[in-house]
Amino acid sequence: MNYLKQFAIILFVSFLGELLHILIPLPIPASVYGLLLMLLALCLGILRLEQVKETAGFLIEIMPVMFIPAAVGLLESWSALQPMIVPVVVITILTTVIVMGVTGLVTQFLIRNKKERKEK
């Protein structure tokens, strides 16, 4: 029952993200709005981590399964992708490295900031 309650909370936040996507005319995916809302709710104490932790962990564990349909779709459209494979691979590698670098820098900043707060 606990999983259902936590899943309902996550779905509700995702639904609010969909509403924001409809109401705000920006080219931002609804899932990003949902993630920002979840982050805000957790940071502001509206939600406690314990209220969604178990189900969120489960969803993260099964996330690779969600990529199977997309991979199959890419395989089916291989003939259309083949002429542009080099630019796609270069862009994929570049953006992966950039995302990893930015994530590392942000993580280091947050860890330093947390240590400074503890020292004060």
N, C-alpha and C. Protein backbone atom coordinates (compact mmCIF):
# COMPACT_ATOMS: atom_id res chain seq x y z
N MET A 1 0.82 -1.20 0.00
CA MET A 1 0.00 0.00 0.00
C MET A 1 0.87 1.27 0.00
N ASN A 2 2.01 1.17 0.67
CA ASN A 2 2.90 2.31 0.74
C ASN A 2 3.40 2.71 -0.65
N TYR A 3 3.70 1.71 -1.49
CA TYR A 3 4.14 2.00 -2.84
C TYR A 3 3.06 2.73 -3.64
N LEU A 4 1.82 2.33 -3.47
CA LEU A 4 0.72 2.98 -4.20
C LEU A 4 0.59 4.44 -3.80
N LYS A 5 0.70 4.71 -2.52
CA LYS A 5 0.59 6.09 -2.04
C LYS A 5 1.74 6.94 -2.60
N GLN A 6 2.95 6.39 -2.53
CA GLN A 6 4.11 7.13 -3.04
C GLN A 6 4.01 7.32 -4.56
N PHE A 7 3.56 6.30 -5.26
CA PHE A 7 3.41 6.40 -6.70
C PHE A 7 2.35 7.45 -7.05
N ALA A 8 1.27 7.51 -6.26
CA ALA A 8 0.24 8.51 -6.49
C ALA A 8 0.79 9.92 -6.31
N ILE A 9 1.65 10.10 -5.32
CA ILE A 9 2.26 11.42 -5.11
C ILE A 9 3.12 11.80 -6.31
N ILE A 10 3.93 10.85 -6.78
CA ILE A 10 4.80 11.12 -7.93
C ILE A 10 3.96 11.42 -9.18
N LEU A 11 2.89 10.65 -9.37
CA LEU A 11 2.01 10.90 -10.52
C LEU A 11 1.34 12.27 -10.43
N PHE A 12 0.94 12.66 -9.22
CA PHE A 12 0.30 13.96 -9.04
C PHE A 12 1.26 15.09 -9.39
N VAL A 13 2.50 14.98 -8.95
CA VAL A 13 3.50 16.00 -9.28
C VAL A 13 3.75 16.02 -10.79
N SER A 14 3.78 14.85 -11.42
CA SER A 14 3.94 14.78 -12.88
C SER A 14 2.75 15.43 -13.58
N PHE A 15 1.56 15.21 -13.04
CA PHE A 15 0.36 15.83 -13.60
C PHE A 15 0.44 17.35 -13.50
N LEU A 16 0.92 17.85 -12.35
CA LEU A 16 1.09 19.30 -12.21
C LEU A 16 2.10 19.82 -13.23
N GLY A 17 3.14 19.04 -13.52
CA GLY A 17 4.10 19.41 -14.55
C GLY A 17 3.44 19.49 -15.91
N GLU A 18 2.55 18.54 -16.20
CA GLU A 18 1.80 18.58 -17.47
C GLU A 18 0.93 19.84 -17.55
N LEU A 19 0.29 20.18 -16.45
CA LEU A 19 -0.54 21.40 -16.44
C LEU A 19 0.31 22.65 -16.69
N LEU A 20 1.47 22.71 -16.04
CA LEU A 20 2.35 23.86 -16.26
C LEU A 20 2.80 23.94 -17.71
N HIS A 21 3.06 22.78 -18.31
CA HIS A 21 3.47 22.74 -19.71
C HIS A 21 2.38 23.31 -20.62
N ILE A 22 1.14 23.03 -20.27
CA ILE A 22 0.02 23.55 -21.06
C ILE A 22 -0.15 25.05 -20.84
N LEU A 23 0.01 25.50 -19.58
CA LEU A 23 -0.25 26.89 -19.23
C LEU A 23 0.89 27.84 -19.61
N ILE A 24 2.12 27.37 -19.55
CA ILE A 24 3.28 28.23 -19.82
C ILE A 24 3.78 27.92 -21.24
N PRO A 25 3.73 28.91 -22.12
CA PRO A 25 4.11 28.66 -23.52
C PRO A 25 5.62 28.69 -23.76
N LEU A 26 6.35 27.83 -23.06
CA LEU A 26 7.79 27.73 -23.28
C LEU A 26 8.11 26.33 -23.83
N PRO A 27 9.18 26.22 -24.60
CA PRO A 27 9.52 24.90 -25.16
C PRO A 27 10.25 24.01 -24.15
N ILE A 28 9.66 23.83 -22.98
CA ILE A 28 10.24 23.01 -21.92
C ILE A 28 9.33 21.79 -21.76
N PRO A 29 9.90 20.59 -21.76
CA PRO A 29 9.07 19.39 -21.61
C PRO A 29 8.34 19.37 -20.26
N ALA A 30 7.18 18.77 -20.25
CA ALA A 30 6.39 18.68 -19.03
C ALA A 30 7.13 17.91 -17.94
N SER A 31 7.93 16.94 -18.33
CA SER A 31 8.67 16.16 -17.34
C SER A 31 9.67 17.03 -16.58
N VAL A 32 10.23 18.03 -17.25
CA VAL A 32 11.16 18.94 -16.58
C VAL A 32 10.41 19.78 -15.57
N TYR A 33 9.23 20.26 -15.94
CA TYR A 33 8.41 20.99 -14.98
C TYR A 33 8.10 20.11 -13.76
N GLY A 34 7.77 18.86 -14.01
CA GLY A 34 7.46 17.94 -12.92
C GLY A 34 8.66 17.73 -12.01
N LEU A 35 9.84 17.56 -12.61
CA LEU A 35 11.05 17.39 -11.80
C LEU A 35 11.34 18.64 -10.97
N LEU A 36 11.16 19.82 -11.56
CA LEU A 36 11.37 21.05 -10.81
C LEU A 36 10.37 21.19 -9.67
N LEU A 37 9.12 20.83 -9.94
CA LEU A 37 8.11 20.89 -8.88
C LEU A 37 8.46 19.92 -7.75
N MET A 38 8.91 18.73 -8.10
CA MET A 38 9.29 17.75 -7.07
C MET A 38 10.47 18.28 -6.26
N LEU A 39 11.46 18.85 -6.94
CA LEU A 39 12.60 19.42 -6.24
C LEU A 39 12.17 20.53 -5.29
N LEU A 40 11.33 21.43 -5.77
CA LEU A 40 10.83 22.51 -4.92
C LEU A 40 10.06 21.97 -3.72
N ALA A 41 9.20 21.00 -3.97
CA ALA A 41 8.41 20.43 -2.88
C ALA A 41 9.31 19.78 -1.82
N LEU A 42 10.36 19.11 -2.27
CA LEU A 42 11.29 18.49 -1.32
C LEU A 42 12.12 19.53 -0.59
N CYS A 43 12.60 20.54 -1.31
CA CYS A 43 13.43 21.58 -0.68
C CYS A 43 12.64 22.44 0.30
N LEU A 44 11.40 22.72 -0.04
CA LEU A 44 10.57 23.58 0.81
C LEU A 44 9.89 22.82 1.95
N GLY A 45 10.03 21.52 1.96
CA GLY A 45 9.44 20.73 3.03
C GLY A 45 7.98 20.39 2.82
N ILE A 46 7.46 20.68 1.65
CA ILE A 46 6.07 20.32 1.34
C ILE A 46 5.96 18.80 1.30
N LEU A 47 6.98 18.16 0.73
CA LEU A 47 7.11 16.70 0.72
C LEU A 47 8.36 16.33 1.49
N ARG A 48 8.29 15.23 2.20
CA ARG A 48 9.49 14.68 2.83
C ARG A 48 10.01 13.56 1.94
N LEU A 49 11.31 13.36 1.96
CA LEU A 49 11.92 12.34 1.12
C LEU A 49 11.32 10.97 1.40
N GLU A 50 11.00 10.69 2.65
CA GLU A 50 10.43 9.39 3.02
C GLU A 50 9.08 9.14 2.34
N GLN A 51 8.40 10.20 1.92
CA GLN A 51 7.09 10.06 1.29
C GLN A 51 7.17 9.53 -0.14
N VAL A 52 8.35 9.58 -0.75
CA VAL A 52 8.48 9.12 -2.14
C VAL A 52 9.71 8.26 -2.37
N LYS A 53 10.54 8.05 -1.37
CA LYS A 53 11.85 7.43 -1.54
C LYS A 53 11.79 6.01 -2.08
N GLU A 54 10.97 5.16 -1.51
CA GLU A 54 10.94 3.75 -1.93
C GLU A 54 10.49 3.59 -3.38
N THR A 55 9.41 4.26 -3.74
CA THR A 55 8.90 4.15 -5.10
C THR A 55 9.83 4.82 -6.10
N ALA A 56 10.43 5.95 -5.72
CA ALA A 56 11.38 6.62 -6.62
C ALA A 56 12.58 5.71 -6.88
N GLY A 57 13.05 5.04 -5.84
CA GLY A 57 14.15 4.10 -6.02
C GLY A 57 13.79 2.96 -6.96
N PHE A 58 12.57 2.45 -6.80
CA PHE A 58 12.10 1.39 -7.69
C PHE A 58 12.03 1.87 -9.13
N LEU A 59 11.49 3.07 -9.34
CA LEU A 59 11.38 3.61 -10.70
C LEU A 59 12.75 3.83 -11.33
N ILE A 60 13.72 4.24 -10.53
CA ILE A 60 15.07 4.42 -11.05
C ILE A 60 15.68 3.07 -11.43
N GLU A 61 15.40 2.04 -10.62
CA GLU A 61 15.93 0.71 -10.91
C GLU A 61 15.40 0.14 -12.22
N ILE A 62 14.13 0.41 -12.53
CA ILE A 62 13.55 -0.16 -13.75
C ILE A 62 13.66 0.79 -14.96
N MET A 63 14.31 1.93 -14.77
CA MET A 63 14.42 2.89 -15.86
C MET A 63 15.04 2.31 -17.13
N PRO A 64 16.08 1.48 -17.05
CA PRO A 64 16.64 0.94 -18.31
C PRO A 64 15.61 0.18 -19.15
N VAL A 65 14.64 -0.44 -18.51
CA VAL A 65 13.60 -1.17 -19.25
C VAL A 65 12.79 -0.20 -20.12
N MET A 66 12.66 1.04 -19.66
CA MET A 66 11.88 2.02 -20.40
C MET A 66 12.55 2.45 -21.70
N PHE A 67 13.86 2.19 -21.83
CA PHE A 67 14.58 2.58 -23.04
C PHE A 67 14.50 1.52 -24.14
N ILE A 68 14.01 0.34 -23.83
CA ILE A 68 13.94 -0.73 -24.83
C ILE A 68 13.05 -0.35 -26.01
N PRO A 69 11.84 0.18 -25.81
CA PRO A 69 11.03 0.57 -26.98
C PRO A 69 11.71 1.63 -27.86
N ALA A 70 12.40 2.58 -27.23
CA ALA A 70 13.09 3.60 -28.02
C ALA A 70 14.23 2.98 -28.83
N ALA A 71 14.95 2.06 -28.23
CA ALA A 71 16.05 1.40 -28.96
C ALA A 71 15.52 0.58 -30.13
N VAL A 72 14.40 -0.10 -29.93
CA VAL A 72 13.79 -0.87 -31.01
C VAL A 72 13.34 0.07 -32.13
N GLY A 73 12.80 1.21 -31.76
CA GLY A 73 12.39 2.19 -32.76
C GLY A 73 13.57 2.70 -33.57
N LEU A 74 14.71 2.90 -32.90
CA LEU A 74 15.91 3.31 -33.64
C LEU A 74 16.39 2.23 -34.60
N LEU A 75 16.31 0.99 -34.17
CA LEU A 75 16.72 -0.11 -35.04
C LEU A 75 15.83 -0.20 -36.27
N GLU A 76 14.54 0.04 -36.08
CA GLU A 76 13.61 -0.01 -37.21
C GLU A 76 13.84 1.11 -38.20
N SER A 77 14.33 2.26 -37.74
CA SER A 77 14.57 3.38 -38.64
C SER A 77 16.05 3.54 -38.98
N TRP A 78 16.80 2.44 -38.93
CA TRP A 78 18.22 2.48 -39.21
C TRP A 78 18.52 3.02 -40.61
N SER A 79 17.72 2.68 -41.58
CA SER A 79 17.98 3.15 -42.95
C SER A 79 17.92 4.68 -43.03
N ALA A 80 17.06 5.29 -42.26
CA ALA A 80 16.97 6.76 -42.26
C ALA A 80 18.10 7.39 -41.46
N LEU A 81 18.58 6.69 -40.44
CA LEU A 81 19.64 7.23 -39.59
C LEU A 81 21.04 7.01 -40.15
N GLN A 82 21.21 6.01 -40.97
CA GLN A 82 22.54 5.62 -41.45
C GLN A 82 23.31 6.76 -42.11
N PRO A 83 22.70 7.59 -42.98
CA PRO A 83 23.48 8.66 -43.62
C PRO A 83 24.00 9.71 -42.63
N MET A 84 23.36 9.86 -41.49
CA MET A 84 23.80 10.89 -40.55
C MET A 84 24.35 10.30 -39.25
N ILE A 85 24.89 9.09 -39.29
CA ILE A 85 25.36 8.42 -38.08
C ILE A 85 26.56 9.13 -37.45
N VAL A 86 27.47 9.65 -38.26
CA VAL A 86 28.66 10.31 -37.70
C VAL A 86 28.28 11.57 -36.91
N PRO A 87 27.47 12.48 -37.47
CA PRO A 87 27.08 13.65 -36.67
C PRO A 87 26.31 13.26 -35.40
N VAL A 88 25.47 12.25 -35.49
CA VAL A 88 24.69 11.83 -34.32
C VAL A 88 25.63 11.28 -33.23
N VAL A 89 26.60 10.48 -33.62
CA VAL A 89 27.55 9.92 -32.64
C VAL A 89 28.39 11.03 -32.02
N VAL A 90 28.87 11.97 -32.84
CA VAL A 90 29.68 13.07 -32.32
C VAL A 90 28.87 13.92 -31.35
N ILE A 91 27.66 14.26 -31.73
CA ILE A 91 26.80 15.06 -30.86
C ILE A 91 26.50 14.32 -29.56
N THR A 92 26.24 13.03 -29.65
CA THR A 92 25.95 12.23 -28.47
C THR A 92 27.14 12.20 -27.52
N ILE A 93 28.33 11.98 -28.05
CA ILE A 93 29.52 11.94 -27.21
C ILE A 93 29.79 13.31 -26.58
N LEU A 94 29.70 14.35 -27.39
CA LEU A 94 29.94 15.71 -26.89
C LEU A 94 28.96 16.09 -25.77
N THR A 95 27.68 15.87 -26.01
CA THR A 95 26.70 16.25 -25.00
C THR A 95 26.83 15.40 -23.74
N THR A 96 27.21 14.13 -23.90
CA THR A 96 27.41 13.29 -22.73
C THR A 96 28.55 13.82 -21.87
N VAL A 97 29.66 14.18 -22.51
CA VAL A 97 30.81 14.72 -21.78
C VAL A 97 30.44 16.04 -21.11
N ILE A 98 29.72 16.91 -21.81
CA ILE A 98 29.32 18.19 -21.24
C ILE A 98 28.40 17.98 -20.02
N VAL A 99 27.42 17.10 -20.16
CA VAL A 99 26.50 16.83 -19.05
C VAL A 99 27.25 16.26 -17.86
N MET A 100 28.17 15.33 -18.10
CA MET A 100 28.95 14.76 -17.00
C MET A 100 29.79 15.83 -16.32
N GLY A 101 30.42 16.70 -17.10
CA GLY A 101 31.23 17.77 -16.52
C GLY A 101 30.42 18.74 -15.69
N VAL A 102 29.30 19.19 -16.24
CA VAL A 102 28.45 20.13 -15.51
C VAL A 102 27.89 19.48 -14.25
N THR A 103 27.48 18.22 -14.35
CA THR A 103 26.97 17.52 -13.18
C THR A 103 28.04 17.42 -12.10
N GLY A 104 29.26 17.10 -12.49
CA GLY A 104 30.36 17.03 -11.53
C GLY A 104 30.62 18.36 -10.86
N LEU A 105 30.64 19.44 -11.64
CA LEU A 105 30.88 20.77 -11.08
C LEU A 105 29.77 21.18 -10.11
N VAL A 106 28.53 20.93 -10.49
CA VAL A 106 27.40 21.28 -9.62
C VAL A 106 27.46 20.46 -8.34
N THR A 107 27.79 19.18 -8.45
CA THR A 107 27.89 18.32 -7.28
C THR A 107 29.00 18.81 -6.35
N GLN A 108 30.15 19.14 -6.91
CA GLN A 108 31.24 19.66 -6.08
C GLN A 108 30.83 20.95 -5.39
N PHE A 109 30.16 21.84 -6.11
CA PHE A 109 29.69 23.09 -5.52
C PHE A 109 28.74 22.83 -4.36
N LEU A 110 27.81 21.91 -4.55
CA LEU A 110 26.84 21.62 -3.50
C LEU A 110 27.51 20.98 -2.28
N ILE A 111 28.48 20.10 -2.51
CA ILE A 111 29.18 19.47 -1.39
C ILE A 111 29.99 20.51 -0.62
N ARG A 112 30.70 21.38 -1.32
CA ARG A 112 31.45 22.45 -0.65
C ARG A 112 30.53 23.36 0.13
N ASN A 113 29.40 23.72 -0.48
CA ASN A 113 28.43 24.59 0.16
C ASN A 113 27.89 23.94 1.43
N LYS A 114 27.62 22.65 1.38
CA LYS A 114 27.11 21.94 2.55
C LYS A 114 28.15 21.89 3.66
N LYS A 115 29.43 21.66 3.30
CA LYS A 115 30.50 21.63 4.30
C LYS A 115 30.66 22.99 4.96
N GLU A 116 30.59 24.05 4.16
CA GLU A 116 30.72 25.41 4.70
C GLU A 116 29.58 25.72 5.67
N ARG A 117 28.39 25.26 5.37
CA ARG A 117 27.25 25.48 6.25
C ARG A 117 27.42 24.72 7.57
N LYS A 118 27.96 23.51 7.51
CA LYS A 118 28.17 22.72 8.71
C LYS A 118 29.25 23.36 9.60
N GLU A 119 30.28 23.95 8.96
CA GLU A 119 31.34 24.58 9.72
C GLU A 119 30.89 25.84 10.43
N LYS A 120 29.89 26.50 9.91
CA LYS A 120 29.38 27.75 10.51
C LYS A 120 28.46 27.46 11.62
